[in-house]
Amino acid sequence: MKRILLSLLEDRAALIGSAGTAWTVALKHIHTSVGILVGLLTIVYLTIKIREELKRSKRDD
């Protein structure tokens, strides 16, 4: 086990790759939550803008 750990510490590319894979798995839930939140905020923003545009077009008529 110690030999494997030492070889991983010496090989930086393998260590960086393993860390990247671990972070991807660990941050999966945060990534999903942020994606849903951004999607909901986009829907709210576009709804407000569409309502404003509809009110503006009714005033112009």
PDB file of N, CA and C in Angstrom:
ATOM      1  N   MET A   1       0.824  -1.194   0.000  1.00  0.00           N
ATOM      2  CA  MET A   1       0.000   0.000   0.000  1.00  0.00           C
ATOM      3  C   MET A   1       0.872   1.263   0.000  1.00  0.00           C
ATOM      4  N   LYS A   2       1.943   1.207   0.794  1.00  0.00           N
ATOM      5  CA  LYS A   2       2.833   2.359   0.877  1.00  0.00           C
ATOM      6  C   LYS A   2       3.511   2.613  -0.460  1.00  0.00           C
ATOM      7  N   ARG A   3       3.849   1.545  -1.167  1.00  0.00           N
ATOM      8  CA  ARG A   3       4.503   1.662  -2.458  1.00  0.00           C
ATOM      9  C   ARG A   3       3.559   2.336  -3.472  1.00  0.00           C
ATOM     10  N   ILE A   4       2.286   1.977  -3.441  1.00  0.00           N
ATOM     11  CA  ILE A   4       1.303   2.587  -4.352  1.00  0.00           C
ATOM     12  C   ILE A   4       1.149   4.067  -4.040  1.00  0.00           C
ATOM     13  N   LEU A   5       1.067   4.403  -2.762  1.00  0.00           N
ATOM     14  CA  LEU A   5       0.934   5.801  -2.362  1.00  0.00           C
ATOM     15  C   LEU A   5       2.140   6.622  -2.796  1.00  0.00           C
ATOM     16  N   LEU A   6       3.322   6.076  -2.619  1.00  0.00           N
ATOM     17  CA  LEU A   6       4.534   6.793  -3.031  1.00  0.00           C
ATOM     18  C   LEU A   6       4.590   6.972  -4.543  1.00  0.00           C
ATOM     19  N   SER A   7       4.169   5.952  -5.295  1.00  0.00           N
ATOM     20  CA  SER A   7       4.193   6.088  -6.751  1.00  0.00           C
ATOM     21  C   SER A   7       3.169   7.125  -7.216  1.00  0.00           C
ATOM     22  N   LEU A   8       2.022   7.205  -6.544  1.00  0.00           N
ATOM     23  CA  LEU A   8       1.032   8.239  -6.889  1.00  0.00           C
ATOM     24  C   LEU A   8       1.553   9.638  -6.584  1.00  0.00           C
ATOM     25  N   LEU A   9       2.245   9.781  -5.473  1.00  0.00           N
ATOM     26  CA  LEU A   9       2.786  11.091  -5.114  1.00  0.00           C
ATOM     27  C   LEU A   9       3.888  11.532  -6.072  1.00  0.00           C
ATOM     28  N   GLU A  10       4.628  10.581  -6.629  1.00  0.00           N
ATOM     29  CA  GLU A  10       5.690  10.918  -7.569  1.00  0.00           C
ATOM     30  C   GLU A  10       5.146  11.255  -8.943  1.00  0.00           C
ATOM     31  N   ASP A  11       4.036  10.656  -9.330  1.00  0.00           N
ATOM     32  CA  ASP A  11       3.458  10.880 -10.647  1.00  0.00           C
ATOM     33  C   ASP A  11       2.375  11.963 -10.529  1.00  0.00           C
ATOM     34  N   ARG A  12       2.732  13.196 -10.827  1.00  0.00           N
ATOM     35  CA  ARG A  12       1.817  14.332 -10.649  1.00  0.00           C
ATOM     36  C   ARG A  12       0.592  14.245 -11.559  1.00  0.00           C
ATOM     37  N   ALA A  13       0.754  13.767 -12.777  1.00  0.00           N
ATOM     38  CA  ALA A  13      -0.376  13.686 -13.705  1.00  0.00           C
ATOM     39  C   ALA A  13      -1.451  12.740 -13.168  1.00  0.00           C
ATOM     40  N   ALA A  14      -1.024  11.604 -12.622  1.00  0.00           N
ATOM     41  CA  ALA A  14      -1.987  10.655 -12.057  1.00  0.00           C
ATOM     42  C   ALA A  14      -2.669  11.256 -10.835  1.00  0.00           C
ATOM     43  N   LEU A  15      -1.927  11.979 -10.034  1.00  0.00           N
ATOM     44  CA  LEU A  15      -2.496  12.605  -8.837  1.00  0.00           C
ATOM     45  C   LEU A  15      -3.514  13.678  -9.214  1.00  0.00           C
ATOM     46  N   ILE A  16      -3.196  14.498 -10.192  1.00  0.00           N
ATOM     47  CA  ILE A  16      -4.118  15.549 -10.638  1.00  0.00           C
ATOM     48  C   ILE A  16      -5.360  14.930 -11.273  1.00  0.00           C
ATOM     49  N   GLY A  17      -5.194  13.886 -12.048  1.00  0.00           N
ATOM     50  CA  GLY A  17      -6.336  13.208 -12.660  1.00  0.00           C
ATOM     51  C   GLY A  17      -7.251  12.579 -11.628  1.00  0.00           C
ATOM     52  N   SER A  18      -6.654  11.951 -10.639  1.00  0.00           N
ATOM     53  CA  SER A  18      -7.451  11.329  -9.573  1.00  0.00           C
ATOM     54  C   SER A  18      -8.187  12.389  -8.763  1.00  0.00           C
ATOM     55  N   ALA A  19      -7.529  13.489  -8.480  1.00  0.00           N
ATOM     56  CA  ALA A  19      -8.170  14.567  -7.727  1.00  0.00           C
ATOM     57  C   ALA A  19      -9.313  15.180  -8.532  1.00  0.00           C
ATOM     58  N   GLY A  20      -9.131  15.349  -9.825  1.00  0.00           N
ATOM     59  CA  GLY A  20     -10.191  15.893 -10.668  1.00  0.00           C
ATOM     60  C   GLY A  20     -11.407  14.992 -10.704  1.00  0.00           C
ATOM     61  N   THR A  21     -11.179  13.692 -10.789  1.00  0.00           N
ATOM     62  CA  THR A  21     -12.286  12.737 -10.776  1.00  0.00           C
ATOM     63  C   THR A  21     -13.016  12.781  -9.437  1.00  0.00           C
ATOM     64  N   ALA A  22     -12.278  12.839  -8.357  1.00  0.00           N
ATOM     65  CA  ALA A  22     -12.889  12.891  -7.023  1.00  0.00           C
ATOM     66  C   ALA A  22     -13.713  14.166  -6.850  1.00  0.00           C
ATOM     67  N   TRP A  23     -13.198  15.299  -7.301  1.00  0.00           N
ATOM     68  CA  TRP A  23     -13.934  16.555  -7.175  1.00  0.00           C
ATOM     69  C   TRP A  23     -15.196  16.554  -8.037  1.00  0.00           C
ATOM     70  N   THR A  24     -15.132  15.922  -9.198  1.00  0.00           N
ATOM     71  CA  THR A  24     -16.307  15.835 -10.059  1.00  0.00           C
ATOM     72  C   THR A  24     -17.428  15.077  -9.363  1.00  0.00           C
ATOM     73  N   VAL A  25     -17.082  13.979  -8.732  1.00  0.00           N
ATOM     74  CA  VAL A  25     -18.089  13.194  -8.009  1.00  0.00           C
ATOM     75  C   VAL A  25     -18.587  13.957  -6.790  1.00  0.00           C
ATOM     76  N   ALA A  26     -17.689  14.618  -6.070  1.00  0.00           N
ATOM     77  CA  ALA A  26     -18.061  15.322  -4.847  1.00  0.00           C
ATOM     78  C   ALA A  26     -18.931  16.548  -5.134  1.00  0.00           C
ATOM     79  N   LEU A  27     -18.688  17.222  -6.239  1.00  0.00           N
ATOM     80  CA  LEU A  27     -19.405  18.464  -6.530  1.00  0.00           C
ATOM     81  C   LEU A  27     -20.639  18.258  -7.414  1.00  0.00           C
ATOM     82  N   LYS A  28     -20.996  17.008  -7.690  1.00  0.00           N
ATOM     83  CA  LYS A  28     -22.119  16.726  -8.573  1.00  0.00           C
ATOM     84  C   LYS A  28     -23.416  17.339  -8.043  1.00  0.00           C
ATOM     85  N   HIS A  29     -23.667  17.225  -6.751  1.00  0.00           N
ATOM     86  CA  HIS A  29     -24.903  17.738  -6.176  1.00  0.00           C
ATOM     87  C   HIS A  29     -24.937  19.266  -6.187  1.00  0.00           C
ATOM     88  N   ILE A  30     -23.811  19.873  -5.936  1.00  0.00           N
ATOM     89  CA  ILE A  30     -23.748  21.335  -5.963  1.00  0.00           C
ATOM     90  C   ILE A  30     -23.977  21.840  -7.387  1.00  0.00           C
ATOM     91  N   HIS A  31     -23.383  21.167  -8.359  1.00  0.00           N
ATOM     92  CA  HIS A  31     -23.533  21.547  -9.756  1.00  0.00           C
ATOM     93  C   HIS A  31     -25.002  21.447 -10.184  1.00  0.00           C
ATOM     94  N   THR A  32     -25.664  20.394  -9.773  1.00  0.00           N
ATOM     95  CA  THR A  32     -27.079  20.211 -10.105  1.00  0.00           C
ATOM     96  C   THR A  32     -27.927  21.296  -9.456  1.00  0.00           C
ATOM     97  N   SER A  33     -27.670  21.588  -8.195  1.00  0.00           N
ATOM     98  CA  SER A  33     -28.438  22.613  -7.481  1.00  0.00           C
ATOM     99  C   SER A  33     -28.259  23.990  -8.109  1.00  0.00           C
ATOM    100  N   VAL A  34     -27.030  24.330  -8.450  1.00  0.00           N
ATOM    101  CA  VAL A  34     -26.764  25.628  -9.077  1.00  0.00           C
ATOM    102  C   VAL A  34     -27.435  25.708 -10.443  1.00  0.00           C
ATOM    103  N   GLY A  35     -27.416  24.625 -11.193  1.00  0.00           N
ATOM    104  CA  GLY A  35     -28.069  24.604 -12.505  1.00  0.00           C
ATOM    105  C   GLY A  35     -29.567  24.828 -12.399  1.00  0.00           C
ATOM    106  N   ILE A  36     -30.205  24.180 -11.431  1.00  0.00           N
ATOM    107  CA  ILE A  36     -31.642  24.368 -11.232  1.00  0.00           C
ATOM    108  C   ILE A  36     -31.939  25.791 -10.806  1.00  0.00           C
ATOM    109  N   LEU A  37     -31.152  26.340  -9.903  1.00  0.00           N
ATOM    110  CA  LEU A  37     -31.364  27.708  -9.426  1.00  0.00           C
ATOM    111  C   LEU A  37     -31.217  28.716 -10.561  1.00  0.00           C
ATOM    112  N   VAL A  38     -30.203  28.557 -11.377  1.00  0.00           N
ATOM    113  CA  VAL A  38     -29.987  29.467 -12.507  1.00  0.00           C
ATOM    114  C   VAL A  38     -31.134  29.358 -13.509  1.00  0.00           C
ATOM    115  N   GLY A  39     -31.612  28.145 -13.745  1.00  0.00           N
ATOM    116  CA  GLY A  39     -32.742  27.954 -14.642  1.00  0.00           C
ATOM    117  C   GLY A  39     -34.004  28.652 -14.126  1.00  0.00           C
ATOM    118  N   LEU A  40     -34.282  28.506 -12.840  1.00  0.00           N
ATOM    119  CA  LEU A  40     -35.457  29.163 -12.258  1.00  0.00           C
ATOM    120  C   LEU A  40     -35.336  30.686 -12.308  1.00  0.00           C
ATOM    121  N   LEU A  41     -34.151  31.197 -12.008  1.00  0.00           N
ATOM    122  CA  LEU A  41     -33.957  32.646 -12.073  1.00  0.00           C
ATOM    123  C   LEU A  41     -34.116  33.169 -13.502  1.00  0.00           C
ATOM    124  N   THR A  42     -33.685  32.395 -14.479  1.00  0.00           N
ATOM    125  CA  THR A  42     -33.856  32.785 -15.876  1.00  0.00           C
ATOM    126  C   THR A  42     -35.331  32.849 -16.247  1.00  0.00           C
ATOM    127  N   ILE A  43     -36.100  31.869 -15.798  1.00  0.00           N
ATOM    128  CA  ILE A  43     -37.540  31.867 -16.079  1.00  0.00           C
ATOM    129  C   ILE A  43     -38.213  33.082 -15.455  1.00  0.00           C
ATOM    130  N   VAL A  44     -37.872  33.407 -14.221  1.00  0.00           N
ATOM    131  CA  VAL A  44     -38.460  34.571 -13.546  1.00  0.00           C
ATOM    132  C   VAL A  44     -38.085  35.861 -14.278  1.00  0.00           C
ATOM    133  N   TYR A  45     -36.816  36.008 -14.634  1.00  0.00           N
ATOM    134  CA  TYR A  45     -36.355  37.208 -15.330  1.00  0.00           C
ATOM    135  C   TYR A  45     -37.066  37.376 -16.672  1.00  0.00           C
ATOM    136  N   LEU A  46     -37.145  36.298 -17.440  1.00  0.00           N
ATOM    137  CA  LEU A  46     -37.791  36.400 -18.748  1.00  0.00           C
ATOM    138  C   LEU A  46     -39.285  36.669 -18.618  1.00  0.00           C
ATOM    139  N   THR A  47     -39.934  36.112 -17.598  1.00  0.00           N
ATOM    140  CA  THR A  47     -41.353  36.386 -17.370  1.00  0.00           C
ATOM    141  C   THR A  47     -41.572  37.859 -17.075  1.00  0.00           C
ATOM    142  N   ILE A  48     -40.733  38.444 -16.257  1.00  0.00           N
ATOM    143  CA  ILE A  48     -40.845  39.875 -15.934  1.00  0.00           C
ATOM    144  C   ILE A  48     -40.632  40.713 -17.193  1.00  0.00           C
ATOM    145  N   LYS A  49     -39.616  40.375 -17.966  1.00  0.00           N
ATOM    146  CA  LYS A  49     -39.335  41.152 -19.178  1.00  0.00           C
ATOM    147  C   LYS A  49     -40.459  41.030 -20.210  1.00  0.00           C
ATOM    148  N   ILE A  50     -41.039  39.849 -20.357  1.00  0.00           N
ATOM    149  CA  ILE A  50     -42.140  39.667 -21.311  1.00  0.00           C
ATOM    150  C   ILE A  50     -43.359  40.461 -20.867  1.00  0.00           C
ATOM    151  N   ARG A  51     -43.666  40.451 -19.572  1.00  0.00           N
ATOM    152  CA  ARG A  51     -44.798  41.239 -19.071  1.00  0.00           C
ATOM    153  C   ARG A  51     -44.582  42.729 -19.312  1.00  0.00           C
ATOM    154  N   GLU A  52     -43.372  43.211 -19.057  1.00  0.00           N
ATOM    155  CA  GLU A  52     -43.083  44.624 -19.294  1.00  0.00           C
ATOM    156  C   GLU A  52     -43.257  44.969 -20.776  1.00  0.00           C
ATOM    157  N   GLU A  53     -42.791  44.094 -21.637  1.00  0.00           N
ATOM    158  CA  GLU A  53     -42.901  44.339 -23.074  1.00  0.00           C
ATOM    159  C   GLU A  53     -44.362  44.310 -23.525  1.00  0.00           C
ATOM    160  N   LEU A  54     -45.152  43.408 -22.988  1.00  0.00           N
ATOM    161  CA  LEU A  54     -46.570  43.360 -23.329  1.00  0.00           C
ATOM    162  C   LEU A  54     -47.289  44.618 -22.857  1.00  0.00           C
ATOM    163  N   LYS A  55     -46.978  45.101 -21.651  1.00  0.00           N
ATOM    164  CA  LYS A  55     -47.581  46.337 -21.147  1.00  0.00           C
ATOM    165  C   LYS A  55     -47.179  47.527 -22.027  1.00  0.00           C
ATOM    166  N   ARG A  56     -45.923  47.559 -22.429  1.00  0.00           N
ATOM    167  CA  ARG A  56     -45.426  48.635 -23.267  1.00  0.00           C
ATOM    168  C   ARG A  56     -46.102  48.625 -24.641  1.00  0.00           C
ATOM    169  N   SER A  57     -46.315  47.436 -25.205  1.00  0.00           N
ATOM    170  CA  SER A  57     -46.941  47.361 -26.517  1.00  0.00           C
ATOM    171  C   SER A  57     -48.433  47.711 -26.444  1.00  0.00           C
ATOM    172  N   LYS A  58     -49.096  47.438 -25.319  1.00  0.00           N
ATOM    173  CA  LYS A  58     -50.505  47.825 -25.159  1.00  0.00           C
ATOM    174  C   LYS A  58     -50.643  49.344 -25.048  1.00  0.00           C
ATOM    175  N   ARG A  59     -49.672  49.990 -24.402  1.00  0.00           N
ATOM    176  CA  ARG A  59     -49.702  51.456 -24.268  1.00  0.00           C
ATOM    177  C   ARG A  59     -49.487  52.135 -25.618  1.00  0.00           C
ATOM    178  N   ASP A  60     -48.667  51.536 -26.465  1.00  0.00           N
ATOM    179  CA  ASP A  60     -48.367  52.117 -27.777  1.00  0.00           C
ATOM    180  C   ASP A  60     -49.555  52.015 -28.735  1.00  0.00           C
ATOM    181  N   ASP A  61     -50.431  51.034 -28.539  1.00  0.00           N
ATOM    182  CA  ASP A  61     -51.563  50.835 -29.447  1.00  0.00           C
ATOM    183  C   ASP A  61     -52.631  51.841 -29.237  1.00  0.00           C
TER     184      ASP A  61
END
